Amino acid sequence: MYKIAVLGDYDSIYGFATVGLDTFPVSDSESAAKQLHNLAENDYSVIYVTEKLADCIQEDIRKYSASVFPAIIQIPGVSGNTGAGVENVKKTVEQAVGSDILFGGN
């Protein structure tokens, strides 16, 4: 069975445990990269990562961009929304459908 994880600083992710998601608080990019790889290798099909943390481990996240699993989705943290999560979803949809979903471009 596949699972869902949330990776980020404690203050940003602790609430996700109340809805049944597995939370993995990390405080630095090295431990975040290790935890990301561990989750990806252990049946986590969706991994939410706070935008701030994702910015620090972009190379590690890119390793999974061509894979079906895990889907790595950026979410805002307590420090606010940078827009990176929405931009990544937009790029993925553009690649899938061949068109800009917000402006109808090529």
C-alpha atoms as a PDB file:
ATOM      1  CA  MET A   1       0.000   0.000   0.000  1.00  0.00           C
ATOM      2  CA  TYR A   2       1.265   3.467  -0.863  1.00  0.00           C
ATOM      3  CA  LYS A   3       1.608   6.166   1.737  1.00  0.00           C
ATOM      4  CA  ILE A   4       1.727   9.968   1.904  1.00  0.00           C
ATOM      5  CA  ALA A   5       4.485  11.887   3.673  1.00  0.00           C
ATOM      6  CA  VAL A   6       5.052  15.524   4.576  1.00  0.00           C
ATOM      7  CA  LEU A   7       8.625  16.780   4.852  1.00  0.00           C
ATOM      8  CA  GLY A   8       9.641  20.159   6.267  1.00  0.00           C
ATOM      9  CA  ASP A   9      10.253  22.163   9.392  1.00  0.00           C
ATOM     10  CA  TYR A  10       8.238  21.035  12.407  1.00  0.00           C
ATOM     11  CA  ASP A  11       6.091  24.157  12.699  1.00  0.00           C
ATOM     12  CA  SER A  12       4.976  23.877   9.072  1.00  0.00           C
ATOM     13  CA  ILE A  13       4.090  20.186   9.043  1.00  0.00           C
ATOM     14  CA  TYR A  14       2.900  19.082  12.494  1.00  0.00           C
ATOM     15  CA  GLY A  15      -0.760  19.735  11.656  1.00  0.00           C
ATOM     16  CA  PHE A  16      -0.711  17.204   8.819  1.00  0.00           C
ATOM     17  CA  ALA A  17      -0.428  14.373  11.340  1.00  0.00           C
ATOM     18  CA  THR A  18      -3.952  15.152  12.540  1.00  0.00           C
ATOM     19  CA  VAL A  19      -5.335  14.128   9.136  1.00  0.00           C
ATOM     20  CA  GLY A  20      -3.359  10.894   9.088  1.00  0.00           C
ATOM     21  CA  LEU A  21      -0.326  11.851   7.020  1.00  0.00           C
ATOM     22  CA  ASP A  22       3.147  10.739   8.058  1.00  0.00           C
ATOM     23  CA  THR A  23       5.218  13.773   9.028  1.00  0.00           C
ATOM     24  CA  PHE A  24       8.987  13.993   8.936  1.00  0.00           C
ATOM     25  CA  PRO A  25      10.388  17.161  10.472  1.00  0.00           C
ATOM     26  CA  VAL A  26      13.894  18.079   9.337  1.00  0.00           C
ATOM     27  CA  SER A  27      16.044  21.061  10.202  1.00  0.00           C
ATOM     28  CA  ASP A  28      18.732  21.115   7.520  1.00  0.00           C
ATOM     29  CA  SER A  29      19.166  20.287   3.842  1.00  0.00           C
ATOM     30  CA  GLU A  30      21.454  17.290   4.428  1.00  0.00           C
ATOM     31  CA  SER A  31      18.974  15.471   6.658  1.00  0.00           C
ATOM     32  CA  ALA A  32      16.142  16.530   4.320  1.00  0.00           C
ATOM     33  CA  ALA A  33      17.869  14.983   1.292  1.00  0.00           C
ATOM     34  CA  LYS A  34      18.502  11.743   3.176  1.00  0.00           C
ATOM     35  CA  GLN A  35      14.912  11.610   4.402  1.00  0.00           C
ATOM     36  CA  LEU A  36      13.551  12.308   0.904  1.00  0.00           C
ATOM     37  CA  HIS A  37      15.495   9.391  -0.570  1.00  0.00           C
ATOM     38  CA  ASN A  38      14.440   7.140   2.314  1.00  0.00           C
ATOM     39  CA  LEU A  39      10.762   7.994   1.769  1.00  0.00           C
ATOM     40  CA  ALA A  40      11.030   7.505  -1.992  1.00  0.00           C
ATOM     41  CA  GLU A  41      12.486   4.033  -1.487  1.00  0.00           C
ATOM     42  CA  ASN A  42       9.835   2.996   1.057  1.00  0.00           C
ATOM     43  CA  ASP A  43       6.457   3.026  -0.727  1.00  0.00           C
ATOM     44  CA  TYR A  44       5.629   6.710  -0.323  1.00  0.00           C
ATOM     45  CA  SER A  45       3.740   7.624  -3.474  1.00  0.00           C
ATOM     46  CA  VAL A  46       3.200  11.285  -2.560  1.00  0.00           C
ATOM     47  CA  ILE A  47       5.700  13.421  -0.681  1.00  0.00           C
ATOM     48  CA  TYR A  48       4.752  16.977   0.226  1.00  0.00           C
ATOM     49  CA  VAL A  49       7.780  19.216   0.814  1.00  0.00           C
ATOM     50  CA  THR A  50       7.668  22.769   2.125  1.00  0.00           C
ATOM     51  CA  GLU A  51       8.713  25.302  -0.520  1.00  0.00           C
ATOM     52  CA  LYS A  52      11.572  26.657   1.581  1.00  0.00           C
ATOM     53  CA  LEU A  53      13.008  23.183   2.095  1.00  0.00           C
ATOM     54  CA  ALA A  54      12.455  22.165  -1.527  1.00  0.00           C
ATOM     55  CA  ASP A  55      14.544  25.146  -2.596  1.00  0.00           C
ATOM     56  CA  CYS A  56      17.463  23.694  -0.614  1.00  0.00           C
ATOM     57  CA  ILE A  57      17.199  20.169  -2.073  1.00  0.00           C
ATOM     58  CA  GLN A  58      16.271  20.843  -5.709  1.00  0.00           C
ATOM     59  CA  GLU A  59      18.907  18.455  -7.082  1.00  0.00           C
ATOM     60  CA  ASP A  60      17.560  15.630  -4.958  1.00  0.00           C
ATOM     61  CA  ILE A  61      13.993  16.364  -6.014  1.00  0.00           C
ATOM     62  CA  ARG A  62      14.984  16.412  -9.713  1.00  0.00           C
ATOM     63  CA  LYS A  63      16.161  12.805  -9.424  1.00  0.00           C
ATOM     64  CA  TYR A  64      12.508  11.791  -9.134  1.00  0.00           C
ATOM     65  CA  SER A  65      11.009  14.129 -11.728  1.00  0.00           C
ATOM     66  CA  ALA A  66      10.936  11.479 -14.464  1.00  0.00           C
ATOM     67  CA  SER A  67       9.473   8.821 -12.171  1.00  0.00           C
ATOM     68  CA  VAL A  68       5.795   8.119 -11.684  1.00  0.00           C
ATOM     69  CA  PHE A  69       6.375   7.631  -7.959  1.00  0.00           C
ATOM     70  CA  PRO A  70       6.895   9.458  -5.774  1.00  0.00           C
ATOM     71  CA  ALA A  71       5.030  12.586  -6.740  1.00  0.00           C
ATOM     72  CA  ILE A  72       6.850  15.380  -4.927  1.00  0.00           C
ATOM     73  CA  ILE A  73       4.606  18.374  -4.363  1.00  0.00           C
ATOM     74  CA  GLN A  74       5.716  21.653  -2.850  1.00  0.00           C
ATOM     75  CA  ILE A  75       3.516  23.318  -0.242  1.00  0.00           C
ATOM     76  CA  PRO A  76       3.801  26.638   1.602  1.00  0.00           C
ATOM     77  CA  GLY A  77       5.297  26.598   5.068  1.00  0.00           C
ATOM     78  CA  VAL A  78       4.815  28.875   8.053  1.00  0.00           C
ATOM     79  CA  SER A  79       7.190  31.381   6.478  1.00  0.00           C
ATOM     80  CA  GLY A  80       4.695  31.989   3.673  1.00  0.00           C
ATOM     81  CA  ASN A  81       3.949  31.101   0.081  1.00  0.00           C
ATOM     82  CA  THR A  82       6.746  31.691  -2.434  1.00  0.00           C
ATOM     83  CA  GLY A  83       4.686  30.555  -5.417  1.00  0.00           C
ATOM     84  CA  ALA A  84       7.164  27.790  -6.227  1.00  0.00           C
ATOM     85  CA  GLY A  85       4.631  25.033  -5.596  1.00  0.00           C
ATOM     86  CA  VAL A  86       2.072  26.499  -7.978  1.00  0.00           C
ATOM     87  CA  GLU A  87       4.762  27.122 -10.595  1.00  0.00           C
ATOM     88  CA  ASN A  88       5.922  23.487 -10.446  1.00  0.00           C
ATOM     89  CA  VAL A  89       2.381  22.159 -10.830  1.00  0.00           C
ATOM     90  CA  LYS A  90       1.849  24.541 -13.762  1.00  0.00           C
ATOM     91  CA  LYS A  91       5.055  23.315 -15.473  1.00  0.00           C
ATOM     92  CA  THR A  92       4.061  19.680 -14.983  1.00  0.00           C
ATOM     93  CA  VAL A  93       0.629  20.242 -16.477  1.00  0.00           C
ATOM     94  CA  GLU A  94       2.140  22.186 -19.391  1.00  0.00           C
ATOM     95  CA  GLN A  95       4.424  19.245 -20.128  1.00  0.00           C
ATOM     96  CA  ALA A  96       1.537  16.804 -19.937  1.00  0.00           C
ATOM     97  CA  VAL A  97      -0.944  18.710 -22.100  1.00  0.00           C
ATOM     98  CA  GLY A  98       1.410  20.833 -24.186  1.00  0.00           C
ATOM     99  CA  SER A  99      -0.236  24.137 -23.276  1.00  0.00           C
ATOM    100  CA  ASP A 100      -0.092  26.852 -20.639  1.00  0.00           C
ATOM    101  CA  ILE A 101      -3.055  26.120 -18.386  1.00  0.00           C
ATOM    102  CA  LEU A 102      -3.492  29.711 -17.208  1.00  0.00           C
ATOM    103  CA  PHE A 103      -3.085  31.611 -20.462  1.00  0.00           C
ATOM    104  CA  GLY A 104      -3.830  29.041 -23.171  1.00  0.00           C
ATOM    105  CA  GLY A 105      -0.406  29.497 -24.793  1.00  0.00           C
ATOM    106  CA  ASN A 106       1.706  26.933 -26.591  1.00  0.00           C
END
